[in-house]
N, C-alpha and C. Protein backbone atom coordinates (compact mmCIF):
# COMPACT_ATOMS: atom_id res chain seq x y z
N MET A 1 -6.65 -11.43 -0.64
CA MET A 1 -5.72 -11.95 0.35
C MET A 1 -4.97 -13.14 -0.27
N VAL A 2 -3.72 -13.28 0.08
CA VAL A 2 -2.89 -14.36 -0.46
C VAL A 2 -2.76 -15.47 0.58
N ALA A 3 -2.95 -16.68 0.14
CA ALA A 3 -2.83 -17.83 1.04
C ALA A 3 -1.35 -18.08 1.34
N GLU A 4 -1.05 -18.32 2.58
CA GLU A 4 0.32 -18.57 2.99
C GLU A 4 0.86 -19.82 2.30
N GLY A 5 2.11 -19.74 1.85
CA GLY A 5 2.74 -20.88 1.22
C GLY A 5 2.45 -21.00 -0.27
N LYS A 6 1.74 -20.03 -0.83
CA LYS A 6 1.40 -20.06 -2.26
C LYS A 6 2.30 -19.08 -3.01
N ASP A 7 2.65 -19.44 -4.25
CA ASP A 7 3.43 -18.54 -5.10
C ASP A 7 2.52 -17.45 -5.64
N VAL A 8 3.06 -16.23 -5.70
CA VAL A 8 2.32 -15.10 -6.23
C VAL A 8 3.21 -14.40 -7.26
N THR A 9 2.65 -14.07 -8.40
CA THR A 9 3.37 -13.32 -9.42
C THR A 9 2.84 -11.91 -9.45
N THR A 10 3.73 -10.93 -9.32
CA THR A 10 3.36 -9.53 -9.38
C THR A 10 4.02 -8.91 -10.60
N VAL A 11 3.22 -8.30 -11.45
CA VAL A 11 3.75 -7.63 -12.63
C VAL A 11 3.93 -6.16 -12.28
N ILE A 12 5.15 -5.64 -12.52
CA ILE A 12 5.40 -4.23 -12.25
C ILE A 12 5.67 -3.52 -13.58
N THR A 13 5.35 -2.25 -13.60
CA THR A 13 5.58 -1.45 -14.80
C THR A 13 7.01 -0.95 -14.82
N ALA A 14 7.45 -0.51 -15.99
CA ALA A 14 8.78 0.08 -16.11
C ALA A 14 8.88 1.32 -15.22
N GLU A 15 7.80 2.07 -15.11
CA GLU A 15 7.78 3.26 -14.26
C GLU A 15 7.99 2.89 -12.78
N GLU A 16 7.33 1.81 -12.34
CA GLU A 16 7.50 1.36 -10.95
C GLU A 16 8.92 0.88 -10.71
N GLN A 17 9.49 0.14 -11.67
CA GLN A 17 10.86 -0.34 -11.53
C GLN A 17 11.83 0.83 -11.45
N ASN A 18 11.66 1.81 -12.33
CA ASN A 18 12.54 2.99 -12.30
C ASN A 18 12.41 3.75 -11.00
N MET A 19 11.18 3.85 -10.47
CA MET A 19 10.96 4.55 -9.21
C MET A 19 11.75 3.87 -8.08
N VAL A 20 11.73 2.54 -8.05
CA VAL A 20 12.46 1.80 -7.02
C VAL A 20 13.97 1.96 -7.23
N GLU A 21 14.43 1.77 -8.48
CA GLU A 21 15.86 1.84 -8.76
C GLU A 21 16.44 3.22 -8.48
N ASN A 22 15.68 4.27 -8.75
CA ASN A 22 16.17 5.64 -8.57
C ASN A 22 15.91 6.21 -7.19
N SER A 23 15.23 5.46 -6.35
CA SER A 23 14.93 5.90 -4.99
C SER A 23 16.16 5.71 -4.10
N SER A 24 16.33 6.64 -3.17
CA SER A 24 17.42 6.49 -2.21
C SER A 24 17.04 5.56 -1.06
N ALA A 25 15.75 5.19 -0.99
CA ALA A 25 15.28 4.28 0.06
C ALA A 25 15.86 2.88 -0.16
N ARG A 26 16.29 2.25 0.91
CA ARG A 26 16.83 0.89 0.83
C ARG A 26 15.72 -0.16 0.84
N GLN A 27 14.55 0.23 1.34
CA GLN A 27 13.40 -0.67 1.35
C GLN A 27 12.14 0.17 1.38
N GLY A 28 11.03 -0.44 0.99
CA GLY A 28 9.77 0.30 1.00
C GLY A 28 8.65 -0.49 0.38
N PHE A 29 7.54 0.20 0.21
CA PHE A 29 6.34 -0.40 -0.37
C PHE A 29 5.87 0.48 -1.50
N VAL A 30 5.52 -0.14 -2.63
CA VAL A 30 5.01 0.59 -3.79
C VAL A 30 3.56 0.14 -4.01
N PRO A 31 2.60 1.03 -3.78
CA PRO A 31 1.21 0.67 -4.05
C PRO A 31 0.96 0.65 -5.55
N GLN A 32 0.06 -0.22 -5.99
CA GLN A 32 -0.28 -0.32 -7.41
C GLN A 32 -1.73 0.08 -7.63
N GLU A 33 -2.04 0.46 -8.86
CA GLU A 33 -3.38 0.95 -9.20
C GLU A 33 -4.49 -0.05 -8.92
N ASN A 34 -4.18 -1.35 -9.01
CA ASN A 34 -5.22 -2.36 -8.82
C ASN A 34 -5.50 -2.64 -7.34
N GLY A 35 -4.90 -1.86 -6.45
CA GLY A 35 -5.17 -2.02 -5.02
C GLY A 35 -4.15 -2.89 -4.30
N THR A 36 -3.28 -3.56 -5.05
CA THR A 36 -2.24 -4.36 -4.42
C THR A 36 -0.96 -3.51 -4.38
N GLY A 37 0.15 -4.13 -4.27
CA GLY A 37 1.43 -3.44 -4.26
C GLY A 37 2.52 -4.44 -3.96
N PHE A 38 3.73 -3.92 -3.80
CA PHE A 38 4.84 -4.82 -3.50
C PHE A 38 5.86 -4.13 -2.61
N TYR A 39 6.50 -4.95 -1.78
CA TYR A 39 7.60 -4.48 -0.95
C TYR A 39 8.89 -4.72 -1.70
N PHE A 40 9.87 -3.84 -1.48
CA PHE A 40 11.18 -4.06 -2.07
C PHE A 40 12.26 -3.85 -1.01
N VAL A 41 13.36 -4.54 -1.20
CA VAL A 41 14.55 -4.39 -0.36
C VAL A 41 15.74 -4.37 -1.30
N LYS A 42 16.53 -3.31 -1.20
CA LYS A 42 17.73 -3.21 -2.02
C LYS A 42 18.89 -3.83 -1.27
N GLU A 43 19.67 -4.62 -1.98
CA GLU A 43 20.84 -5.24 -1.38
C GLU A 43 22.08 -4.76 -2.10
N LYS A 44 23.17 -4.61 -1.37
CA LYS A 44 24.42 -4.18 -1.97
C LYS A 44 25.01 -5.29 -2.81
N LYS A 45 25.51 -4.94 -3.99
CA LYS A 45 26.20 -5.90 -4.82
C LYS A 45 27.68 -5.85 -4.48
N ILE A 46 28.27 -7.01 -4.29
CA ILE A 46 29.69 -7.09 -3.96
C ILE A 46 30.43 -7.60 -5.19
N LYS A 47 31.41 -6.85 -5.60
CA LYS A 47 32.20 -7.25 -6.77
C LYS A 47 33.45 -7.97 -6.29
N PHE A 48 33.73 -9.10 -6.90
CA PHE A 48 34.92 -9.86 -6.58
C PHE A 48 35.84 -9.83 -7.79
N SER A 49 37.11 -9.70 -7.55
CA SER A 49 38.07 -9.80 -8.65
C SER A 49 39.21 -10.72 -8.22
N CYS A 50 39.70 -11.48 -9.15
CA CYS A 50 40.76 -12.43 -8.86
C CYS A 50 42.02 -12.05 -9.59
């Protein structure tokens, strides 16, 4: 369990990153082998040109 207000570092594999990037889901949860996992939320990138 993580204490509220504490920083937590989660290491993800290249496979997990690719799974999130290539997923059509805008948000979700990826379970990890060690019993933990991480939530992700994709945000739209806005390009500005002048």
